[in-house]
Protein backbone atom coordinates (compact mmCIF):
# COMPACT_ATOMS: atom_id res chain seq x y z
CA MET A 1 6.77 56.97 19.32
CA ASP A 2 7.97 55.54 16.02
CA GLN A 3 5.29 55.88 13.38
CA ASP A 4 5.75 52.28 12.20
CA HIS A 5 5.07 50.92 15.70
CA ARG A 6 2.04 52.98 16.66
CA PRO A 7 -0.93 50.89 17.77
CA HIS A 8 -3.47 50.57 15.01
CA ALA A 9 -7.09 51.44 15.74
CA PRO A 10 -9.38 48.45 15.11
CA ALA A 11 -11.31 48.70 11.87
CA PRO A 12 -15.11 48.84 12.14
CA PHE A 13 -16.73 45.40 12.43
CA ALA A 14 -13.32 43.64 12.33
CA GLN A 15 -14.07 41.73 15.53
CA ALA A 16 -17.59 40.80 14.42
CA ILE A 17 -16.47 39.68 10.97
CA GLY A 18 -13.66 37.61 12.47
CA ARG A 19 -16.17 35.86 14.72
CA THR A 20 -18.22 34.74 11.72
CA ARG A 21 -15.66 31.98 11.17
CA TYR A 22 -17.48 29.99 13.87
CA MET A 23 -20.31 29.45 11.39
CA VAL A 24 -17.99 26.89 9.82
CA LEU A 25 -18.75 24.68 12.83
CA LEU A 26 -22.12 23.91 11.21
CA ALA A 27 -20.36 22.56 8.11
CA VAL A 28 -17.82 20.71 10.26
CA ALA A 29 -20.57 18.98 12.28
CA ALA A 30 -22.53 18.13 9.12
CA VAL A 31 -19.67 16.55 7.17
CA LEU A 32 -18.36 14.66 10.22
CA LEU A 33 -21.84 13.20 10.77
CA VAL A 34 -21.95 12.16 7.11
CA SER A 35 -18.48 10.63 7.50
CA ALA A 36 -19.58 8.70 10.60
CA ALA A 37 -22.69 7.46 8.77
CA LEU A 38 -20.60 6.25 5.83
CA PHE A 39 -18.17 4.48 8.17
CA VAL A 40 -21.13 2.72 9.83
CA VAL A 41 -22.54 1.76 6.42
CA GLY A 42 -19.12 0.43 5.38
CA ALA A 43 -18.85 -1.59 8.59
CA LEU A 44 -22.30 -3.10 8.02
CA GLN A 45 -21.37 -3.89 4.42
CA ALA A 46 -18.20 -5.58 5.68
CA LEU A 47 -20.16 -7.74 8.12
CA ALA A 48 -22.62 -8.70 5.38
CA ALA A 49 -19.78 -9.52 2.97
CA ILE A 50 -18.07 -11.70 5.58
CA TRP A 51 -21.34 -13.55 6.20
CA HIS A 52 -21.83 -14.07 2.46
CA THR A 53 -18.26 -15.37 2.22
CA VAL A 54 -18.88 -17.88 5.01
CA GLN A 55 -22.12 -19.05 3.36
CA ALA A 56 -20.40 -19.39 -0.02
CA GLY A 57 -17.63 -21.43 1.58
CA LEU A 58 -20.10 -23.75 3.28
CA ARG A 59 -21.89 -24.29 -0.04
CA GLY A 60 -18.58 -25.03 -1.74
CA GLU A 61 -18.93 -22.18 -4.27
CA THR A 62 -15.56 -21.34 -5.77
CA SER A 63 -16.58 -18.30 -7.85
CA SER A 64 -15.45 -15.17 -6.07
CA VAL A 65 -16.34 -12.46 -8.62
CA GLY A 66 -19.47 -11.33 -6.80
CA LEU A 67 -17.74 -11.35 -3.43
CA THR A 68 -14.77 -9.41 -4.81
CA ILE A 69 -17.07 -6.72 -6.17
CA GLU A 70 -18.86 -6.61 -2.83
CA PHE A 71 -15.56 -6.10 -1.00
CA LEU A 72 -14.54 -3.36 -3.44
CA GLU A 73 -17.82 -1.57 -2.73
CA ILE A 74 -16.85 -1.61 0.95
CA VAL A 75 -13.50 -0.02 0.11
CA SER A 76 -15.30 2.63 -1.95
CA SER A 77 -17.67 3.44 0.92
CA MET A 78 -14.79 3.78 3.37
CA LEU A 79 -12.85 6.05 1.02
CA LYS A 80 -15.90 8.28 0.60
CA ALA A 81 -16.13 8.47 4.39
CA VAL A 82 -12.46 9.49 4.50
CA VAL A 83 -13.15 12.34 2.06
CA PHE A 84 -15.86 13.79 4.30
CA TYR A 85 -13.67 13.25 7.36
CA LEU A 86 -10.77 15.15 5.79
CA VAL A 87 -13.09 17.99 4.85
CA GLY A 88 -14.47 18.17 8.40
CA ILE A 89 -11.19 18.19 10.29
CA GLY A 90 -9.58 20.37 7.62
CA LEU A 91 -12.24 23.07 7.92
CA TYR A 92 -12.04 22.95 11.72
CA SER A 93 -8.25 23.30 11.71
CA LEU A 94 -8.29 26.12 9.16
CA PHE A 95 -11.09 28.21 10.68
CA ILE A 96 -11.46 27.33 14.37
CA ALA A 97 -8.23 26.01 15.89
CA PRO A 98 -5.17 24.17 14.51
CA LEU A 99 -5.03 20.43 15.15
CA ASN A 100 -2.00 18.17 15.43
CA LEU A 101 -3.99 15.60 13.46
CA THR A 102 -4.22 17.81 10.37
CA ALA A 103 -0.53 18.71 10.66
CA ALA A 104 0.33 15.00 10.81
CA LEU A 105 -1.80 14.42 7.71
CA GLY A 106 -0.22 17.37 5.92
CA VAL A 107 -3.46 19.39 5.78
CA GLU A 108 -2.43 22.88 6.90
CA SER A 109 -3.98 25.00 4.14
CA PHE A 110 -6.81 24.94 1.63
CA GLY A 111 -4.33 23.80 -0.99
CA ASP A 112 -3.24 20.86 1.17
CA LEU A 113 -6.87 19.92 1.83
CA GLU A 114 -7.64 20.13 -1.87
CA SER A 115 -4.64 17.93 -2.71
CA ARG A 116 -5.60 15.24 -0.20
CA ILE A 117 -9.20 15.15 -1.40
CA VAL A 118 -8.15 14.91 -5.05
CA SER A 119 -5.82 12.03 -4.15
CA VAL A 120 -8.60 10.10 -2.42
CA VAL A 121 -11.01 10.82 -5.30
CA ILE A 122 -8.50 9.34 -7.74
CA VAL A 123 -8.29 6.18 -5.63
CA ILE A 124 -12.11 5.99 -5.52
CA LEU A 125 -12.24 6.25 -9.32
CA ALA A 126 -9.64 3.51 -9.62
CA VAL A 127 -11.63 1.23 -7.30
CA THR A 128 -14.82 1.96 -9.24
CA PHE A 129 -13.13 1.04 -12.52
CA LEU A 130 -11.78 -2.14 -10.94
CA GLU A 131 -15.33 -3.12 -9.97
CA HIS A 132 -16.51 -2.73 -13.58
CA PHE A 133 -13.43 -4.51 -14.88
CA ILE A 134 -14.00 -7.56 -12.66
CA ALA A 135 -17.69 -7.68 -13.58
CA TRP A 136 -16.78 -7.60 -17.35
CA LYS A 137 -20.32 -7.55 -18.71
CA ASP A 138 -19.96 -5.47 -21.88
CA PRO A 139 -16.41 -5.01 -23.26
CA ALA A 140 -17.38 -2.04 -25.47
CA GLU A 141 -19.07 -0.28 -22.56
CA LEU A 142 -16.07 -1.06 -20.34
CA VAL A 143 -13.68 0.52 -22.87
CA GLN A 144 -15.83 3.67 -23.02
CA PHE A 145 -16.07 3.79 -19.25
CA GLY A 146 -12.31 3.28 -18.89
CA GLY A 147 -11.54 5.99 -21.44
CA THR A 148 -13.78 8.47 -19.67
CA MET A 149 -12.24 7.52 -16.34
CA ALA A 150 -8.73 7.97 -17.75
CA VAL A 151 -9.54 11.48 -18.97
CA VAL A 152 -10.97 12.44 -15.58
CA VAL A 153 -8.01 11.00 -13.66
CA ALA A 154 -5.49 12.65 -16.01
CA SER A 155 -7.25 16.01 -15.55
CA LEU A 156 -7.19 15.64 -11.77
CA VAL A 157 -3.50 14.68 -11.77
CA LEU A 158 -2.58 17.66 -13.98
CA PHE A 159 -4.65 19.99 -11.81
CA GLN A 160 -3.01 18.63 -8.67
CA PHE A 161 0.48 19.00 -10.17
CA HIS A 162 -0.16 22.60 -11.23
CA ALA A 163 -1.75 23.52 -7.90
CA SER A 164 1.11 21.93 -5.95
CA ARG A 165 3.69 23.78 -7.99
CA THR A 166 1.93 27.13 -7.58
CA ARG A 167 1.44 26.52 -3.86
CA HIS A 168 5.14 25.68 -3.40
CA GLU A 169 6.23 28.91 -5.10
CA GLN A 170 3.80 31.00 -3.08
CA LYS A 171 4.75 29.47 0.28
CA ARG A 172 8.29 30.75 -0.04
CA PHE A 173 6.93 34.27 0.48
CA ASP A 174 3.82 33.64 2.61
CA ALA A 175 5.02 31.10 5.20
CA LEU A 176 6.08 33.70 7.78
CA THR A 177 2.99 35.83 7.30
CA GLU A 178 0.69 32.79 7.46
CA ALA A 179 2.32 31.50 10.67
CA ARG A 180 2.06 34.92 12.34
CA ALA A 181 -1.59 35.34 11.30
CA GLN A 182 -2.49 31.88 12.64
CA ARG A 183 -0.73 32.60 15.95
CA GLU A 184 -2.49 35.94 16.40
CA LEU A 185 -5.87 34.49 15.44
CA PHE A 186 -5.84 31.22 17.38
CA GLU A 187 -3.67 32.16 20.39
CA ASN A 188 -4.25 35.89 20.88
CA ASP A 189 -7.78 36.01 19.39
CA THR A 190 -6.78 38.94 17.18
CA GLN A 191 -9.16 39.32 14.25
CA GLN A 192 -7.60 42.25 12.38
CA ARG A 193 -4.33 41.71 10.58
CA GLU A 194 -1.50 44.18 10.96
CA ILE A 195 0.60 44.85 7.87
CA ARG A 196 4.26 44.80 8.87
CA PRO A 197 7.12 46.57 7.07
CA GLU A 198 8.88 43.31 6.17
CA GLU A 199 5.66 42.03 4.57
CA GLN A 200 5.33 45.19 2.51
CA ALA A 201 8.91 44.78 1.36
CA ALA A 202 8.29 41.14 0.41
CA ALA A 203 5.14 42.12 -1.48
CA SER A 204 7.02 44.81 -3.41
CA ASP A 205 9.71 42.28 -4.32
CA GLN A 206 7.05 39.99 -5.81
CA THR A 207 5.54 42.79 -7.93
CA PRO A 208 6.90 42.52 -11.51
CA SER A 209 8.74 45.59 -12.74
CA GLY A 210 7.08 47.49 -15.57
């Protein structure tokens, strides 16, 4: 039998360690429950805001600043619920079993999950600043708040750009290995990874020459 194709003996505890990924189900259940709670809170806020809008209309009040801020708070609550939802389904798809939903959302790796969360966080920050801007209580405080927010958003955008660029370069080499590992883990229930000759060759090609 060819030495490269001999069956490999399973490493000690490989099966047991591979099974520990099911502990992630606790985190998945927790964050999905939090997401559901936030969606319910957002729905209740929406009903209250609609009722307040109807009452304001019946009273003939034309000022809409307070109602606008109330509606923006609803958007913020829903976006926070989306963050927890993405984390929940992302962890499930990465550790337990792949989902078509995560593939449709473009969340097929930790890097993708990180990118989506950062994007939603940026939108939440923008909505939060818009709330303060509409309220316009203290201009000096608003400028300080806006400057701080701009620094945070710029840092997140730069981080996301760098991470996306690094991830794109790495995927050129790891796509085949990642797809094979996912197939063996989720379809064949194989916990231990087998190093193949073509992967060793690809790894040696990536190693910089001295």
